[in-house]
Amino acid sequence: MRRACWKGKRILAVDDEPDILETLEALLPMCVVVKASTADQARKLMDTQSFDIAILDIMGVDGYKLLELAKKKKSLPSCSRPML
């Protein structure tokens, strides 16, 4: 991975499993990883902050609904929505 292009990127990581959030943060030390463990926490963060990328759990925190919300709010660039 070319770390220089990731440096300083703001990532919203949403998962109900703490070990997944910790792993993502450890794998992305060059980024600012903002973590949420519930859909409500993620919604509040999207209301107050902007992100370059979102990594969303599709099961435990209803990532599909969060993705639709992010699209409506334009909280994320259109091409930066990976789902797990």
N, C-alpha and C. Protein backbone atom coordinates (compact mmCIF):
# COMPACT_ATOMS: atom_id res chain seq x y z
N MET A 1 0.84 -1.17 0.00
CA MET A 1 0.00 0.00 0.00
C MET A 1 0.89 1.24 0.00
N ARG A 2 0.54 2.20 -0.83
CA ARG A 2 1.29 3.45 -0.87
C ARG A 2 0.82 4.34 0.26
N ARG A 3 1.59 4.36 1.32
CA ARG A 3 1.19 5.07 2.53
C ARG A 3 1.09 6.57 2.34
N ALA A 4 1.88 7.14 1.46
CA ALA A 4 1.88 8.59 1.29
C ALA A 4 0.51 9.10 0.85
N CYS A 5 -0.17 8.36 0.00
CA CYS A 5 -1.48 8.83 -0.47
C CYS A 5 -2.55 8.71 0.61
N TRP A 6 -2.31 7.94 1.65
CA TRP A 6 -3.27 7.78 2.74
C TRP A 6 -3.00 8.74 3.90
N LYS A 7 -1.83 9.36 3.91
CA LYS A 7 -1.43 10.19 5.05
C LYS A 7 -2.44 11.31 5.30
N GLY A 8 -2.92 11.36 6.54
CA GLY A 8 -3.83 12.41 6.97
C GLY A 8 -5.27 12.23 6.56
N LYS A 9 -5.59 11.17 5.83
CA LYS A 9 -6.98 10.94 5.43
C LYS A 9 -7.82 10.68 6.67
N ARG A 10 -9.03 11.21 6.64
CA ARG A 10 -9.97 11.01 7.75
C ARG A 10 -10.88 9.84 7.41
N ILE A 11 -10.83 8.82 8.25
CA ILE A 11 -11.60 7.60 8.02
C ILE A 11 -12.61 7.41 9.14
N LEU A 12 -13.86 7.20 8.75
CA LEU A 12 -14.89 6.82 9.71
C LEU A 12 -14.99 5.31 9.68
N ALA A 13 -14.65 4.66 10.78
CA ALA A 13 -14.72 3.20 10.91
C ALA A 13 -15.87 2.87 11.85
N VAL A 14 -16.83 2.09 11.34
CA VAL A 14 -18.03 1.77 12.12
C VAL A 14 -18.19 0.26 12.20
N ASP A 15 -18.14 -0.26 13.41
CA ASP A 15 -18.30 -1.70 13.63
C ASP A 15 -18.69 -1.92 15.09
N ASP A 16 -19.52 -2.90 15.34
CA ASP A 16 -19.94 -3.18 16.71
C ASP A 16 -18.96 -4.08 17.45
N GLU A 17 -17.90 -4.51 16.77
CA GLU A 17 -16.89 -5.34 17.42
C GLU A 17 -15.63 -4.51 17.67
N PRO A 18 -15.30 -4.26 18.94
CA PRO A 18 -14.15 -3.41 19.27
C PRO A 18 -12.83 -3.87 18.67
N ASP A 19 -12.63 -5.19 18.56
CA ASP A 19 -11.36 -5.68 18.01
C ASP A 19 -11.22 -5.30 16.53
N ILE A 20 -12.29 -5.23 15.80
CA ILE A 20 -12.23 -4.81 14.39
C ILE A 20 -11.81 -3.34 14.32
N LEU A 21 -12.41 -2.51 15.17
CA LEU A 21 -12.04 -1.08 15.18
C LEU A 21 -10.59 -0.89 15.56
N GLU A 22 -10.13 -1.63 16.56
CA GLU A 22 -8.73 -1.53 16.99
C GLU A 22 -7.78 -1.99 15.87
N THR A 23 -8.15 -3.05 15.18
CA THR A 23 -7.32 -3.55 14.09
C THR A 23 -7.23 -2.54 12.95
N LEU A 24 -8.36 -1.96 12.58
CA LEU A 24 -8.35 -0.94 11.52
C LEU A 24 -7.46 0.24 11.90
N GLU A 25 -7.57 0.68 13.14
CA GLU A 25 -6.74 1.79 13.61
C GLU A 25 -5.25 1.42 13.57
N ALA A 26 -4.93 0.19 13.96
CA ALA A 26 -3.53 -0.26 13.95
C ALA A 26 -2.99 -0.39 12.53
N LEU A 27 -3.84 -0.79 11.59
CA LEU A 27 -3.41 -0.96 10.20
C LEU A 27 -3.28 0.37 9.45
N LEU A 28 -3.89 1.41 10.00
CA LEU A 28 -3.91 2.70 9.30
C LEU A 28 -3.32 3.82 10.16
N PRO A 29 -2.08 3.65 10.63
CA PRO A 29 -1.51 4.67 11.51
C PRO A 29 -1.27 6.01 10.82
N MET A 30 -1.24 6.02 9.50
CA MET A 30 -0.99 7.26 8.77
C MET A 30 -2.28 8.08 8.60
N CYS A 31 -3.40 7.51 9.02
CA CYS A 31 -4.71 8.17 8.87
C CYS A 31 -5.24 8.60 10.23
N VAL A 32 -6.22 9.47 10.17
CA VAL A 32 -7.00 9.83 11.37
C VAL A 32 -8.22 8.92 11.34
N VAL A 33 -8.24 7.92 12.21
CA VAL A 33 -9.34 6.97 12.24
C VAL A 33 -10.29 7.37 13.37
N VAL A 34 -11.52 7.70 12.97
CA VAL A 34 -12.56 8.05 13.94
C VAL A 34 -13.47 6.84 14.03
N LYS A 35 -13.63 6.31 15.25
CA LYS A 35 -14.34 5.05 15.44
C LYS A 35 -15.72 5.27 16.03
N ALA A 36 -16.66 4.45 15.57
CA ALA A 36 -18.01 4.43 16.13
C ALA A 36 -18.43 2.97 16.26
N SER A 37 -19.06 2.64 17.39
CA SER A 37 -19.48 1.25 17.59
C SER A 37 -20.98 1.06 17.43
N THR A 38 -21.71 2.15 17.16
CA THR A 38 -23.14 2.04 16.91
C THR A 38 -23.51 2.95 15.74
N ALA A 39 -24.66 2.66 15.14
CA ALA A 39 -25.14 3.49 14.04
C ALA A 39 -25.44 4.90 14.55
N ASP A 40 -25.97 5.03 15.75
CA ASP A 40 -26.27 6.36 16.31
C ASP A 40 -25.00 7.19 16.47
N GLN A 41 -23.93 6.57 16.98
CA GLN A 41 -22.66 7.29 17.10
C GLN A 41 -22.17 7.74 15.73
N ALA A 42 -22.28 6.86 14.74
CA ALA A 42 -21.83 7.19 13.39
C ALA A 42 -22.64 8.35 12.81
N ARG A 43 -23.95 8.33 13.00
CA ARG A 43 -24.80 9.41 12.51
C ARG A 43 -24.39 10.75 13.12
N LYS A 44 -24.16 10.75 14.42
CA LYS A 44 -23.74 12.00 15.08
C LYS A 44 -22.41 12.49 14.53
N LEU A 45 -21.49 11.58 14.30
CA LEU A 45 -20.19 11.97 13.74
C LEU A 45 -20.35 12.53 12.33
N MET A 46 -21.21 11.92 11.53
CA MET A 46 -21.43 12.41 10.17
C MET A 46 -22.13 13.78 10.17
N ASP A 47 -22.88 14.07 11.23
CA ASP A 47 -23.53 15.38 11.35
C ASP A 47 -22.53 16.49 11.63
N THR A 48 -21.44 16.15 12.31
CA THR A 48 -20.51 17.18 12.79
C THR A 48 -19.15 17.18 12.12
N GLN A 49 -18.83 16.13 11.37
CA GLN A 49 -17.50 16.02 10.77
C GLN A 49 -17.61 15.53 9.33
N SER A 50 -16.54 15.73 8.59
CA SER A 50 -16.48 15.16 7.24
C SER A 50 -15.36 14.13 7.21
N PHE A 51 -15.49 13.17 6.30
CA PHE A 51 -14.55 12.07 6.21
C PHE A 51 -14.17 11.84 4.75
N ASP A 52 -12.97 11.34 4.55
CA ASP A 52 -12.52 10.99 3.21
C ASP A 52 -13.01 9.60 2.82
N ILE A 53 -13.09 8.73 3.82
CA ILE A 53 -13.44 7.32 3.57
C ILE A 53 -14.26 6.82 4.75
N ALA A 54 -15.19 5.90 4.47
CA ALA A 54 -15.91 5.21 5.53
C ALA A 54 -15.74 3.72 5.34
N ILE A 55 -15.47 3.03 6.43
CA ILE A 55 -15.42 1.57 6.44
C ILE A 55 -16.57 1.15 7.34
N LEU A 56 -17.60 0.55 6.73
CA LEU A 56 -18.85 0.29 7.43
C LEU A 56 -19.13 -1.20 7.55
N ASP A 57 -19.48 -1.62 8.75
CA ASP A 57 -19.95 -2.99 8.98
C ASP A 57 -21.38 -3.06 8.43
N ILE A 58 -21.65 -4.01 7.56
CA ILE A 58 -22.98 -4.05 6.95
C ILE A 58 -24.01 -4.78 7.80
N MET A 59 -23.57 -5.54 8.78
CA MET A 59 -24.52 -6.32 9.58
C MET A 59 -24.79 -5.66 10.94
N GLY A 60 -23.80 -5.62 11.79
CA GLY A 60 -24.00 -5.22 13.18
C GLY A 60 -24.45 -3.80 13.38
N VAL A 61 -24.08 -2.89 12.50
CA VAL A 61 -24.45 -1.48 12.68
C VAL A 61 -25.24 -0.95 11.49
N ASP A 62 -25.77 -1.83 10.66
CA ASP A 62 -26.60 -1.47 9.51
C ASP A 62 -25.89 -0.49 8.58
N GLY A 63 -24.76 -0.94 8.07
CA GLY A 63 -23.94 -0.12 7.21
C GLY A 63 -24.63 0.37 5.95
N TYR A 64 -25.58 -0.40 5.43
CA TYR A 64 -26.29 0.05 4.22
C TYR A 64 -27.08 1.33 4.49
N LYS A 65 -27.74 1.39 5.65
CA LYS A 65 -28.49 2.61 5.99
C LYS A 65 -27.53 3.78 6.23
N LEU A 66 -26.41 3.50 6.86
CA LEU A 66 -25.42 4.56 7.08
C LEU A 66 -24.86 5.06 5.75
N LEU A 67 -24.67 4.17 4.81
CA LEU A 67 -24.19 4.56 3.49
C LEU A 67 -25.20 5.47 2.80
N GLU A 68 -26.47 5.13 2.86
CA GLU A 68 -27.50 5.99 2.27
C GLU A 68 -27.53 7.35 2.94
N LEU A 69 -27.40 7.36 4.26
CA LEU A 69 -27.37 8.63 4.99
C LEU A 69 -26.17 9.47 4.57
N ALA A 70 -25.02 8.84 4.44
CA ALA A 70 -23.81 9.57 4.02
C ALA A 70 -23.98 10.15 2.62
N LYS A 71 -24.63 9.41 1.73
CA LYS A 71 -24.89 9.92 0.38
C LYS A 71 -25.77 11.16 0.43
N LYS A 72 -26.84 11.10 1.22
CA LYS A 72 -27.78 12.23 1.33
C LYS A 72 -27.10 13.46 1.92
N LYS A 73 -26.28 13.24 2.94
CA LYS A 73 -25.62 14.35 3.63
C LYS A 73 -24.36 14.80 2.91
N LYS A 74 -23.93 14.00 1.93
CA LYS A 74 -22.68 14.27 1.23
C LYS A 74 -21.52 14.36 2.22
N SER A 75 -21.54 13.43 3.20
CA SER A 75 -20.50 13.36 4.23
C SER A 75 -19.21 12.75 3.71
N LEU A 76 -19.28 12.07 2.55
CA LEU A 76 -18.14 11.35 1.99
C LEU A 76 -18.03 11.64 0.51
N PRO A 77 -16.83 11.60 -0.03
CA PRO A 77 -16.69 11.65 -1.50
C PRO A 77 -17.40 10.45 -2.11
N SER A 78 -17.93 10.58 -3.28
CA SER A 78 -18.77 9.54 -3.87
C SER A 78 -18.06 8.22 -4.13
N CYS A 79 -16.76 8.20 -4.24
CA CYS A 79 -16.06 6.95 -4.57
C CYS A 79 -15.39 6.31 -3.37
N SER A 80 -15.66 6.75 -2.16
CA SER A 80 -14.89 6.29 -1.00
C SER A 80 -15.78 5.63 0.04
N ARG A 81 -16.48 4.57 -0.34
CA ARG A 81 -17.39 3.93 0.60
C ARG A 81 -17.21 2.43 0.66
N PRO A 82 -16.07 1.94 1.14
CA PRO A 82 -15.91 0.50 1.26
C PRO A 82 -16.86 -0.07 2.33
N MET A 83 -17.33 -1.27 2.11
CA MET A 83 -18.21 -1.93 3.06
C MET A 83 -17.55 -3.24 3.49
N LEU A 84 -17.70 -3.60 4.77
CA LEU A 84 -17.19 -4.88 5.28
C LEU A 84 -18.36 -5.75 5.70
